[in-house]
Amino acid sequence: MKIDVFTTVMAIVFILAIFGPIVYLELRRRNRIKNMRSAYLQYIHALKLLPGYFETWSNKALALDKTQRTLVVLTESKDGFDKRFIDLTKAATCRVLATKDQVILVIDKKFGLEQMPEPIKLFDANVDDPLELGFHKVLAKRWADRINRAIIKTTRKPRRAA
């Protein structure tokens, strides 16, 4: 069996056309995660926090420092990184609002008798891949549990000595 040069070149071009975009997207994803981690580390270092929990995915990162009761939210945007610092000592509860188009983590803050919600959008079907909705729901529930545990530790009254 004899294979000519044209067939070999066409096979190589076909293989590059199939696997080239896959390799490019994987390298871009890894680079985005690396950039997110470095921005996160710089921001956390500037705030002097020691987070016990940290997670990155697509263009977002969440970090929770249980000792100082703070939540850090980083979102990658066209202009750079949007950074939010949420003080959980003033929070009452954390809950998940999930629809077919969005997954939102809502932290209710207490101001006197009122509660002011502070939403953190984890998933938007217009921006994110609609097939990842289930992943974001599980992620939001896990983070809501972590945040609620941190909130409960701040609101729990210490026991009296006998």
N, C-alpha and C. Protein backbone atom coordinates (compact mmCIF):
# COMPACT_ATOMS: atom_id res chain seq x y z
N MET A 1 0.85 -1.16 0.00
CA MET A 1 0.00 0.00 0.00
C MET A 1 0.90 1.23 0.00
N LYS A 2 0.65 2.09 -0.95
CA LYS A 2 1.46 3.28 -1.12
C LYS A 2 0.60 4.52 -0.86
N ILE A 3 1.09 5.37 0.05
CA ILE A 3 0.37 6.60 0.38
C ILE A 3 1.15 7.75 -0.22
N ASP A 4 0.47 8.57 -0.99
CA ASP A 4 1.16 9.69 -1.63
C ASP A 4 1.24 10.90 -0.67
N VAL A 5 1.98 11.90 -1.07
CA VAL A 5 2.24 13.08 -0.25
C VAL A 5 0.95 13.87 -0.02
N PHE A 6 0.10 13.98 -1.03
CA PHE A 6 -1.14 14.73 -0.90
C PHE A 6 -2.04 14.14 0.18
N THR A 7 -2.18 12.84 0.23
CA THR A 7 -3.00 12.18 1.24
C THR A 7 -2.44 12.41 2.64
N THR A 8 -1.13 12.35 2.77
CA THR A 8 -0.50 12.59 4.06
C THR A 8 -0.73 14.02 4.53
N VAL A 9 -0.54 14.98 3.65
CA VAL A 9 -0.75 16.39 3.99
C VAL A 9 -2.21 16.64 4.36
N MET A 10 -3.13 16.09 3.62
CA MET A 10 -4.56 16.27 3.90
C MET A 10 -4.94 15.63 5.25
N ALA A 11 -4.35 14.51 5.57
CA ALA A 11 -4.62 13.86 6.86
C ALA A 11 -4.10 14.73 8.00
N ILE A 12 -2.92 15.31 7.83
CA ILE A 12 -2.36 16.19 8.86
C ILE A 12 -3.24 17.43 9.02
N VAL A 13 -3.66 18.04 7.93
CA VAL A 13 -4.53 19.21 7.99
C VAL A 13 -5.86 18.87 8.66
N PHE A 14 -6.40 17.73 8.35
CA PHE A 14 -7.67 17.29 8.95
C PHE A 14 -7.52 17.09 10.46
N ILE A 15 -6.42 16.45 10.87
CA ILE A 15 -6.18 16.22 12.31
C ILE A 15 -6.01 17.55 13.03
N LEU A 16 -5.27 18.49 12.45
CA LEU A 16 -5.10 19.81 13.07
C LEU A 16 -6.41 20.58 13.13
N ALA A 17 -7.25 20.43 12.11
CA ALA A 17 -8.54 21.12 12.11
C ALA A 17 -9.45 20.58 13.20
N ILE A 18 -9.35 19.30 13.51
CA ILE A 18 -10.20 18.71 14.55
C ILE A 18 -9.64 18.99 15.94
N PHE A 19 -8.36 18.73 16.16
CA PHE A 19 -7.79 18.82 17.51
C PHE A 19 -7.22 20.19 17.86
N GLY A 20 -6.95 21.03 16.88
CA GLY A 20 -6.42 22.36 17.14
C GLY A 20 -7.31 23.21 18.04
N PRO A 21 -8.59 23.36 17.71
CA PRO A 21 -9.47 24.16 18.58
C PRO A 21 -9.62 23.58 19.98
N ILE A 22 -9.63 22.27 20.10
CA ILE A 22 -9.76 21.64 21.41
C ILE A 22 -8.54 21.96 22.27
N VAL A 23 -7.36 21.86 21.71
CA VAL A 23 -6.13 22.17 22.44
C VAL A 23 -6.10 23.66 22.79
N TYR A 24 -6.52 24.51 21.85
CA TYR A 24 -6.53 25.96 22.11
C TYR A 24 -7.48 26.30 23.26
N LEU A 25 -8.68 25.75 23.25
CA LEU A 25 -9.65 26.04 24.31
C LEU A 25 -9.17 25.54 25.67
N GLU A 26 -8.53 24.39 25.70
CA GLU A 26 -8.01 23.86 26.97
C GLU A 26 -6.88 24.73 27.50
N LEU A 27 -5.98 25.18 26.64
CA LEU A 27 -4.90 26.07 27.07
C LEU A 27 -5.44 27.41 27.55
N ARG A 28 -6.46 27.93 26.87
CA ARG A 28 -7.08 29.19 27.29
C ARG A 28 -7.76 29.05 28.65
N ARG A 29 -8.41 27.92 28.88
CA ARG A 29 -9.07 27.67 30.17
C ARG A 29 -8.04 27.61 31.29
N ARG A 30 -6.95 26.90 31.06
CA ARG A 30 -5.90 26.80 32.08
C ARG A 30 -5.27 28.17 32.36
N ASN A 31 -5.07 28.96 31.33
CA ASN A 31 -4.49 30.29 31.50
C ASN A 31 -5.46 31.19 32.28
N ARG A 32 -6.75 31.08 32.02
CA ARG A 32 -7.74 31.88 32.73
C ARG A 32 -7.75 31.51 34.22
N ILE A 33 -7.68 30.22 34.52
CA ILE A 33 -7.66 29.78 35.92
C ILE A 33 -6.39 30.28 36.60
N LYS A 34 -5.25 30.22 35.90
CA LYS A 34 -4.00 30.70 36.46
C LYS A 34 -4.07 32.20 36.74
N ASN A 35 -4.63 32.97 35.82
CA ASN A 35 -4.78 34.41 36.02
C ASN A 35 -5.74 34.71 37.17
N MET A 36 -6.81 33.92 37.27
CA MET A 36 -7.78 34.12 38.36
C MET A 36 -7.12 33.84 39.70
N ARG A 37 -6.34 32.77 39.77
CA ARG A 37 -5.65 32.44 41.03
C ARG A 37 -4.65 33.50 41.42
N SER A 38 -3.91 34.02 40.47
CA SER A 38 -2.92 35.05 40.81
C SER A 38 -3.61 36.34 41.25
N ALA A 39 -4.70 36.73 40.59
CA ALA A 39 -5.45 37.92 41.02
C ALA A 39 -6.04 37.70 42.40
N TYR A 40 -6.55 36.50 42.64
CA TYR A 40 -7.10 36.15 43.95
C TYR A 40 -6.03 36.25 45.03
N LEU A 41 -4.85 35.69 44.79
CA LEU A 41 -3.78 35.71 45.78
C LEU A 41 -3.32 37.13 46.07
N GLN A 42 -3.24 37.97 45.05
CA GLN A 42 -2.85 39.36 45.27
C GLN A 42 -3.90 40.09 46.11
N TYR A 43 -5.17 39.87 45.81
CA TYR A 43 -6.24 40.55 46.54
C TYR A 43 -6.32 40.06 47.98
N ILE A 44 -6.20 38.75 48.19
CA ILE A 44 -6.25 38.18 49.53
C ILE A 44 -5.05 38.65 50.35
N HIS A 45 -3.89 38.71 49.72
CA HIS A 45 -2.69 39.18 50.41
C HIS A 45 -2.84 40.65 50.82
N ALA A 46 -3.46 41.45 49.95
CA ALA A 46 -3.66 42.86 50.27
C ALA A 46 -4.63 43.02 51.45
N LEU A 47 -5.61 42.14 51.56
CA LEU A 47 -6.58 42.21 52.65
C LEU A 47 -6.11 41.50 53.91
N LYS A 48 -5.00 40.78 53.81
CA LYS A 48 -4.44 40.01 54.93
C LYS A 48 -5.43 38.97 55.45
N LEU A 49 -6.00 38.19 54.53
CA LEU A 49 -6.95 37.13 54.88
C LEU A 49 -6.30 35.77 54.71
N LEU A 50 -6.81 34.79 55.44
CA LEU A 50 -6.38 33.40 55.30
C LEU A 50 -7.63 32.54 55.03
N PRO A 51 -8.04 32.43 53.78
CA PRO A 51 -9.27 31.69 53.50
C PRO A 51 -9.11 30.19 53.70
N GLY A 52 -10.14 29.59 54.29
CA GLY A 52 -10.16 28.15 54.47
C GLY A 52 -10.74 27.45 53.26
N TYR A 53 -11.62 28.13 52.55
CA TYR A 53 -12.24 27.58 51.34
C TYR A 53 -11.99 28.52 50.18
N PHE A 54 -11.68 27.94 49.03
CA PHE A 54 -11.43 28.72 47.82
C PHE A 54 -11.82 27.88 46.62
N GLU A 55 -12.51 28.47 45.68
CA GLU A 55 -12.90 27.75 44.48
C GLU A 55 -12.92 28.70 43.29
N THR A 56 -12.41 28.22 42.15
CA THR A 56 -12.49 28.96 40.90
C THR A 56 -13.19 28.10 39.86
N TRP A 57 -13.92 28.73 38.99
CA TRP A 57 -14.54 28.08 37.85
C TRP A 57 -14.84 29.16 36.82
N SER A 58 -14.86 28.79 35.58
CA SER A 58 -15.05 29.67 34.42
C SER A 58 -14.44 31.05 34.69
N ASN A 59 -15.22 32.08 35.01
CA ASN A 59 -14.67 33.41 35.21
C ASN A 59 -14.94 33.95 36.61
N LYS A 60 -15.12 33.08 37.57
CA LYS A 60 -15.44 33.50 38.93
C LYS A 60 -14.57 32.76 39.95
N ALA A 61 -14.45 33.39 41.13
CA ALA A 61 -13.75 32.77 42.25
C ALA A 61 -14.44 33.20 43.54
N LEU A 62 -14.55 32.26 44.47
CA LEU A 62 -15.10 32.53 45.80
C LEU A 62 -14.08 32.08 46.84
N ALA A 63 -13.95 32.86 47.90
CA ALA A 63 -13.06 32.50 49.00
C ALA A 63 -13.75 32.88 50.31
N LEU A 64 -13.62 32.01 51.31
CA LEU A 64 -14.24 32.25 52.61
C LEU A 64 -13.19 32.13 53.70
N ASP A 65 -13.04 33.21 54.47
CA ASP A 65 -12.16 33.21 55.62
C ASP A 65 -13.05 33.07 56.85
N LYS A 66 -12.99 31.90 57.48
CA LYS A 66 -13.88 31.62 58.61
C LYS A 66 -13.45 32.33 59.88
N THR A 67 -12.16 32.64 60.02
CA THR A 67 -11.71 33.28 61.25
C THR A 67 -12.12 34.75 61.30
N GLN A 68 -12.01 35.44 60.16
CA GLN A 68 -12.40 36.85 60.12
C GLN A 68 -13.82 37.04 59.59
N ARG A 69 -14.50 35.93 59.25
CA ARG A 69 -15.89 35.94 58.78
C ARG A 69 -16.07 36.85 57.56
N THR A 70 -15.29 36.58 56.52
CA THR A 70 -15.37 37.38 55.31
C THR A 70 -15.50 36.48 54.09
N LEU A 71 -16.19 36.98 53.09
CA LEU A 71 -16.34 36.30 51.81
C LEU A 71 -15.78 37.21 50.73
N VAL A 72 -14.95 36.65 49.87
CA VAL A 72 -14.37 37.40 48.78
C VAL A 72 -14.88 36.81 47.48
N VAL A 73 -15.40 37.69 46.61
CA VAL A 73 -15.94 37.27 45.32
C VAL A 73 -15.16 37.98 44.23
N LEU A 74 -14.56 37.23 43.32
CA LEU A 74 -13.85 37.79 42.18
C LEU A 74 -14.56 37.36 40.91
N THR A 75 -14.79 38.31 40.02
CA THR A 75 -15.41 38.01 38.73
C THR A 75 -14.56 38.65 37.65
N GLU A 76 -14.20 37.86 36.67
CA GLU A 76 -13.41 38.39 35.57
C GLU A 76 -14.33 39.10 34.60
N SER A 77 -13.97 40.34 34.25
CA SER A 77 -14.75 41.12 33.29
C SER A 77 -13.82 41.61 32.19
N LYS A 78 -14.37 42.35 31.26
CA LYS A 78 -13.55 42.86 30.15
C LYS A 78 -12.51 43.86 30.63
N ASP A 79 -12.82 44.58 31.71
CA ASP A 79 -11.92 45.61 32.22
C ASP A 79 -10.89 45.08 33.21
N GLY A 80 -10.98 43.84 33.59
CA GLY A 80 -10.06 43.27 34.58
C GLY A 80 -10.84 42.36 35.51
N PHE A 81 -10.67 42.57 36.81
CA PHE A 81 -11.35 41.76 37.81
C PHE A 81 -12.24 42.64 38.68
N ASP A 82 -13.49 42.22 38.84
CA ASP A 82 -14.38 42.87 39.80
C ASP A 82 -14.22 42.14 41.12
N LYS A 83 -13.90 42.91 42.16
CA LYS A 83 -13.63 42.31 43.47
C LYS A 83 -14.67 42.80 44.46
N ARG A 84 -15.22 41.87 45.21
CA ARG A 84 -16.19 42.22 46.26
C ARG A 84 -15.76 41.57 47.56
N PHE A 85 -15.87 42.33 48.61
CA PHE A 85 -15.51 41.90 49.95
C PHE A 85 -16.79 41.99 50.78
N ILE A 86 -17.26 40.86 51.31
CA ILE A 86 -18.51 40.82 52.06
C ILE A 86 -18.22 40.42 53.49
N ASP A 87 -18.60 41.29 54.42
CA ASP A 87 -18.42 41.03 55.84
C ASP A 87 -19.59 40.19 56.34
N LEU A 88 -19.30 38.97 56.77
CA LEU A 88 -20.36 38.06 57.20
C LEU A 88 -20.78 38.27 58.65
N THR A 89 -20.08 39.13 59.38
CA THR A 89 -20.50 39.40 60.76
C THR A 89 -21.80 40.18 60.78
N LYS A 90 -22.13 40.85 59.67
CA LYS A 90 -23.38 41.60 59.57
C LYS A 90 -24.44 40.85 58.76
N ALA A 91 -24.20 39.58 58.50
CA ALA A 91 -25.14 38.80 57.70
C ALA A 91 -26.08 38.00 58.60
N ALA A 92 -27.30 37.80 58.11
CA ALA A 92 -28.29 37.03 58.85
C ALA A 92 -28.39 35.60 58.31
N THR A 93 -28.55 35.47 57.00
CA THR A 93 -28.67 34.15 56.37
C THR A 93 -28.08 34.18 54.97
N CYS A 94 -27.92 33.00 54.41
CA CYS A 94 -27.51 32.85 53.03
C CYS A 94 -28.43 31.83 52.39
N ARG A 95 -28.93 32.13 51.20
CA ARG A 95 -29.85 31.22 50.53
C ARG A 95 -29.54 31.21 49.04
N VAL A 96 -30.11 30.21 48.37
CA VAL A 96 -29.89 30.03 46.94
C VAL A 96 -31.19 30.29 46.20
N LEU A 97 -31.14 31.14 45.19
CA LEU A 97 -32.26 31.34 44.29
C LEU A 97 -31.88 30.73 42.95
N ALA A 98 -32.58 29.68 42.56
CA ALA A 98 -32.25 28.99 41.31
C ALA A 98 -33.47 28.97 40.40
N THR A 99 -33.29 29.46 39.19
CA THR A 99 -34.31 29.37 38.15
C THR A 99 -33.69 28.64 36.97
N LYS A 100 -34.42 28.56 35.87
CA LYS A 100 -33.85 27.87 34.70
C LYS A 100 -32.82 28.73 33.98
N ASP A 101 -32.78 30.03 34.30
CA ASP A 101 -31.85 30.93 33.64
C ASP A 101 -30.72 31.44 34.54
N GLN A 102 -30.92 31.39 35.86
CA GLN A 102 -29.94 31.97 36.76
C GLN A 102 -29.81 31.15 38.04
N VAL A 103 -28.62 31.23 38.62
CA VAL A 103 -28.37 30.72 39.97
C VAL A 103 -27.72 31.86 40.73
N ILE A 104 -28.39 32.28 41.81
CA ILE A 104 -27.93 33.43 42.57
C ILE A 104 -27.79 33.03 44.03
N LEU A 105 -26.67 33.37 44.61
CA LEU A 105 -26.42 33.19 46.03
C LEU A 105 -26.77 34.52 46.70
N VAL A 106 -27.74 34.51 47.62
CA VAL A 106 -28.21 35.74 48.25
C VAL A 106 -27.82 35.72 49.73
N ILE A 107 -27.08 36.74 50.13
CA ILE A 107 -26.70 36.91 51.53
C ILE A 107 -27.55 38.04 52.08
N ASP A 108 -28.39 37.72 53.05
CA ASP A 108 -29.25 38.72 53.68
C ASP A 108 -28.48 39.37 54.81
N LYS A 109 -28.27 40.69 54.69
CA LYS A 109 -27.56 41.43 55.73
C LYS A 109 -28.57 42.11 56.62
N LYS A 110 -28.25 42.20 57.89
CA LYS A 110 -29.16 42.83 58.84
C LYS A 110 -28.72 44.26 59.13
N PHE A 111 -29.65 45.18 58.95
CA PHE A 111 -29.46 46.58 59.27
C PHE A 111 -30.61 46.99 60.18
N GLY A 112 -30.40 46.93 61.48
CA GLY A 112 -31.47 47.23 62.42
C GLY A 112 -32.56 46.18 62.31
N LEU A 113 -33.77 46.61 61.96
CA LEU A 113 -34.88 45.68 61.80
C LEU A 113 -35.02 45.18 60.36
N GLU A 114 -34.31 45.81 59.44
CA GLU A 114 -34.43 45.44 58.02
C GLU A 114 -33.34 44.44 57.63
N GLN A 115 -33.65 43.69 56.57
CA GLN A 115 -32.65 42.81 55.98
C GLN A 115 -32.45 43.24 54.53
N MET A 116 -31.21 43.52 54.20
CA MET A 116 -30.87 43.94 52.85
C MET A 116 -30.19 42.78 52.12
N PRO A 117 -30.76 42.32 51.01
CA PRO A 117 -30.12 41.21 50.29
C PRO A 117 -28.92 41.68 49.47
N GLU A 118 -27.90 40.86 49.46
CA GLU A 118 -26.72 41.11 48.64
C GLU A 118 -26.55 39.91 47.71
N PRO A 119 -26.93 40.06 46.43
CA PRO A 119 -26.88 38.92 45.51
C PRO A 119 -25.49 38.71 44.92
N ILE A 120 -25.17 37.44 44.72
CA ILE A 120 -23.95 37.04 44.02
C ILE A 120 -24.39 36.11 42.90
N LYS A 121 -24.29 36.58 41.67
CA LYS A 121 -24.75 35.79 40.53
C LYS A 121 -23.67 34.78 40.15
N LEU A 122 -24.00 33.51 40.30
CA LEU A 122 -23.05 32.44 39.96
C LEU A 122 -23.25 31.92 38.55
N PHE A 123 -24.48 32.00 38.04
CA PHE A 123 -24.77 31.46 36.72
C PHE A 123 -25.79 32.33 36.02
N ASP A 124 -25.55 32.63 34.76
CA ASP A 124 -26.50 33.34 33.91
C ASP A 124 -26.51 32.63 32.57
N ALA A 125 -27.68 32.17 32.15
CA ALA A 125 -27.79 31.40 30.91
C ALA A 125 -27.40 32.22 29.69
N ASN A 126 -27.49 33.54 29.76
CA ASN A 126 -27.11 34.39 28.63
C ASN A 126 -25.60 34.46 28.45
N VAL A 127 -24.85 34.21 29.53
CA VAL A 127 -23.40 34.31 29.48
C VAL A 127 -22.74 32.94 29.54
N ASP A 128 -23.19 32.09 30.48
CA ASP A 128 -22.58 30.79 30.71
C ASP A 128 -23.23 29.71 29.86
N ASP A 129 -22.58 28.56 29.81
CA ASP A 129 -23.09 27.42 29.07
C ASP A 129 -24.33 26.86 29.77
N PRO A 130 -25.49 26.80 29.11
CA PRO A 130 -26.71 26.30 29.76
C PRO A 130 -26.60 24.87 30.29
N LEU A 131 -25.67 24.09 29.76
CA LEU A 131 -25.51 22.72 30.23
C LEU A 131 -24.87 22.66 31.61
N GLU A 132 -24.29 23.76 32.08
CA GLU A 132 -23.63 23.79 33.39
C GLU A 132 -24.56 24.25 34.52
N LEU A 133 -25.85 24.34 34.28
CA LEU A 133 -26.79 24.81 35.29
C LEU A 133 -26.78 23.91 36.53
N GLY A 134 -26.79 22.60 36.35
CA GLY A 134 -26.78 21.68 37.48
C GLY A 134 -25.53 21.81 38.32
N PHE A 135 -24.39 21.97 37.68
CA PHE A 135 -23.13 22.18 38.41
C PHE A 135 -23.20 23.42 39.27
N HIS A 136 -23.74 24.51 38.73
CA HIS A 136 -23.81 25.75 39.48
C HIS A 136 -24.81 25.67 40.63
N LYS A 137 -25.87 24.89 40.48
CA LYS A 137 -26.82 24.71 41.58
C LYS A 137 -26.15 23.98 42.75
N VAL A 138 -25.42 22.92 42.44
CA VAL A 138 -24.70 22.18 43.49
C VAL A 138 -23.65 23.06 44.15
N LEU A 139 -22.93 23.82 43.34
CA LEU A 139 -21.91 24.73 43.85
C LEU A 139 -22.54 25.78 44.77
N ALA A 140 -23.66 26.34 44.37
CA ALA A 140 -24.33 27.36 45.18
C ALA A 140 -24.82 26.78 46.50
N LYS A 141 -25.37 25.58 46.48
CA LYS A 141 -25.83 24.95 47.73
C LYS A 141 -24.67 24.69 48.68
N ARG A 142 -23.55 24.22 48.14
CA ARG A 142 -22.38 23.95 48.97
C ARG A 142 -21.86 25.23 49.60
N TRP A 143 -21.78 26.31 48.82
CA TRP A 143 -21.29 27.57 49.36
C TRP A 143 -22.29 28.20 50.32
N ALA A 144 -23.58 28.02 50.08
CA ALA A 144 -24.58 28.54 51.02
C ALA A 144 -24.44 27.84 52.37
N ASP A 145 -24.19 26.53 52.36
CA ASP A 145 -23.98 25.81 53.62
C ASP A 145 -22.73 26.32 54.35
N ARG A 146 -21.65 26.52 53.62
CA ARG A 146 -20.41 27.02 54.22
C ARG A 146 -20.62 28.42 54.82
N ILE A 147 -21.30 29.27 54.07
CA ILE A 147 -21.52 30.64 54.53
C ILE A 147 -22.45 30.64 55.74
N ASN A 148 -23.50 29.82 55.71
CA ASN A 148 -24.42 29.75 56.85
C ASN A 148 -23.71 29.26 58.10
N ARG A 149 -22.80 28.29 57.95
CA ARG A 149 -22.02 27.83 59.11
C ARG A 149 -21.15 28.95 59.68
N ALA A 150 -20.56 29.75 58.80
CA ALA A 150 -19.74 30.88 59.25
C ALA A 150 -20.62 31.95 59.92
N ILE A 151 -21.83 32.16 59.41
CA ILE A 151 -22.74 33.14 59.99
C ILE A 151 -23.21 32.67 61.36
N ILE A 152 -23.53 31.39 61.49
CA ILE A 152 -24.01 30.85 62.76
C ILE A 152 -22.94 30.99 63.84
N LYS A 153 -21.68 30.80 63.48
CA LYS A 153 -20.60 30.94 64.46
C LYS A 153 -20.51 32.37 64.99
N THR A 154 -20.89 33.35 64.18
CA THR A 154 -20.81 34.74 64.64
C THR A 154 -22.03 35.11 65.47
N THR A 155 -23.16 34.48 65.22
CA THR A 155 -24.38 34.87 65.93
C THR A 155 -24.65 34.02 67.16
N ARG A 156 -23.96 32.90 67.31
CA ARG A 156 -24.17 32.03 68.46
C ARG A 156 -23.65 32.70 69.73
N LYS A 157 -24.42 32.64 70.78
CA LYS A 157 -24.04 33.22 72.07
C LYS A 157 -23.12 32.24 72.79
N PRO A 158 -22.09 32.73 73.47
CA PRO A 158 -21.22 31.83 74.21
C PRO A 158 -21.95 31.27 75.45
N ARG A 159 -21.56 30.07 75.84
CA ARG A 159 -22.16 29.45 77.02
C ARG A 159 -21.62 30.10 78.28
N ARG A 160 -22.47 30.09 79.27
CA ARG A 160 -22.03 30.62 80.57
C ARG A 160 -21.35 29.52 81.35
N ALA A 161 -20.36 29.92 82.08
CA ALA A 161 -19.66 28.96 82.94
C ALA A 161 -20.53 28.63 84.13
N ALA A 162 -20.49 27.40 84.57
CA ALA A 162 -21.33 26.97 85.70
C ALA A 162 -20.76 27.35 87.03
